[in-house]
Amino acid sequence: MEKNYQHEIVERKMQEFWEKNKIYKFERTEGKEVYSIDTPPPTVSGSLHIGHIFSYTQAEMIARFKRMQGYNVFLSIWI
C-alpha cells in the first residue's frame, strides 16, 4: 500500500474502469424496472463543503444498492 494516497492516479483508473464497464449507464429500454433518484440542486449558500458530500454519498450508496438488486437506476446529481 502506498504511504500517501495518489488521488490523481486512483481516480483516473477508476473513471476509466467505470466508463469501460458502463457502470453508470442508463437506458430505459433495458427492460428492467427503473429506480430513479433525483437530488436537489445545490444551495446558493456558497462553495461546496463537507455537508454536500455527505448528502451525495447517501444517494450514491442507495443507487449502488438498488443496482445490486437488479434495478435500472437513474441517478441525477446536481454538481
Protein backbone atom coordinates (compact mmCIF):
# COMPACT_ATOMS: atom_id res chain seq x y z
CA MET A 1 0.00 0.00 0.00
CA GLU A 2 1.22 3.48 -0.83
CA LYS A 3 2.25 5.69 2.09
CA ASN A 4 0.33 8.61 0.55
CA TYR A 5 -2.92 8.31 -1.36
CA GLN A 6 -2.34 9.25 -5.01
CA HIS A 7 -5.84 10.51 -5.81
CA GLU A 8 -4.98 11.67 -9.34
CA ILE A 9 -3.82 8.18 -10.33
CA VAL A 10 -6.53 6.25 -8.50
CA GLU A 11 -9.39 8.49 -9.69
CA ARG A 12 -8.22 8.29 -13.31
CA LYS A 13 -8.05 4.48 -13.16
CA MET A 14 -11.49 4.22 -11.55
CA GLN A 15 -13.09 6.59 -14.06
CA GLU A 16 -11.62 4.56 -16.93
CA PHE A 17 -12.95 1.34 -15.35
CA TRP A 18 -16.42 2.85 -14.85
CA GLU A 19 -16.56 4.10 -18.45
CA LYS A 20 -15.26 0.83 -19.91
CA ASN A 21 -17.74 -1.27 -17.93
CA LYS A 22 -20.60 1.24 -18.30
CA ILE A 23 -21.20 1.19 -14.55
CA TYR A 24 -23.41 4.29 -14.63
CA LYS A 25 -25.08 3.67 -17.99
CA PHE A 26 -28.81 4.22 -18.00
CA GLU A 27 -31.04 3.03 -20.83
CA ARG A 28 -34.74 2.94 -20.26
CA THR A 29 -35.15 0.24 -22.92
CA GLU A 30 -33.24 -2.43 -20.95
CA GLY A 31 -36.47 -3.96 -19.70
CA LYS A 32 -35.52 -3.67 -16.02
CA GLU A 33 -37.66 -1.81 -13.55
CA VAL A 34 -36.46 1.79 -13.24
CA TYR A 35 -35.45 3.21 -9.87
CA SER A 36 -34.97 6.97 -10.04
CA ILE A 37 -33.09 9.13 -7.54
CA ASP A 38 -33.16 12.88 -8.02
CA THR A 39 -31.07 15.07 -5.75
CA PRO A 40 -31.98 18.69 -5.14
CA PRO A 41 -29.88 21.39 -6.75
CA PRO A 42 -27.00 22.73 -4.68
CA THR A 43 -27.77 25.56 -2.31
CA VAL A 44 -26.77 29.09 -3.17
CA SER A 45 -25.11 29.48 0.22
CA GLY A 46 -21.59 29.29 -1.16
CA SER A 47 -18.86 26.83 -2.01
CA LEU A 48 -19.09 23.07 -1.88
CA HIS A 49 -18.47 21.80 1.67
CA ILE A 50 -18.45 18.53 3.59
CA GLY A 51 -22.21 18.69 4.15
CA HIS A 52 -22.82 18.45 0.40
CA ILE A 53 -20.59 15.39 0.14
CA PHE A 54 -22.49 13.73 2.98
CA SER A 55 -25.83 14.03 1.19
CA TYR A 56 -24.40 12.94 -2.18
CA THR A 57 -22.80 9.91 -0.54
CA GLN A 58 -26.18 8.74 0.77
CA ALA A 59 -27.76 8.94 -2.70
CA GLU A 60 -24.77 7.12 -4.23
CA MET A 61 -24.99 4.30 -1.68
CA ILE A 62 -28.71 3.84 -2.34
CA ALA A 63 -28.08 3.81 -6.10
CA ARG A 64 -25.39 1.13 -5.78
CA PHE A 65 -27.61 -0.99 -3.54
CA LYS A 66 -30.53 -0.77 -5.98
CA ARG A 67 -28.23 -1.71 -8.90
CA MET A 68 -27.18 -4.81 -6.95
CA GLN A 69 -30.87 -5.67 -6.57
CA GLY A 70 -31.23 -5.58 -10.37
CA TYR A 71 -32.88 -2.20 -10.89
CA ASN A 72 -32.03 0.07 -13.80
CA VAL A 73 -31.01 3.08 -11.72
CA PHE A 74 -31.29 6.65 -12.93
CA LEU A 75 -29.30 8.89 -10.58
CA SER A 76 -29.45 12.61 -11.12
CA ILE A 77 -26.87 14.53 -9.09
CA TRP A 78 -26.58 18.29 -9.36
CA ILE A 79 -22.99 19.44 -9.06
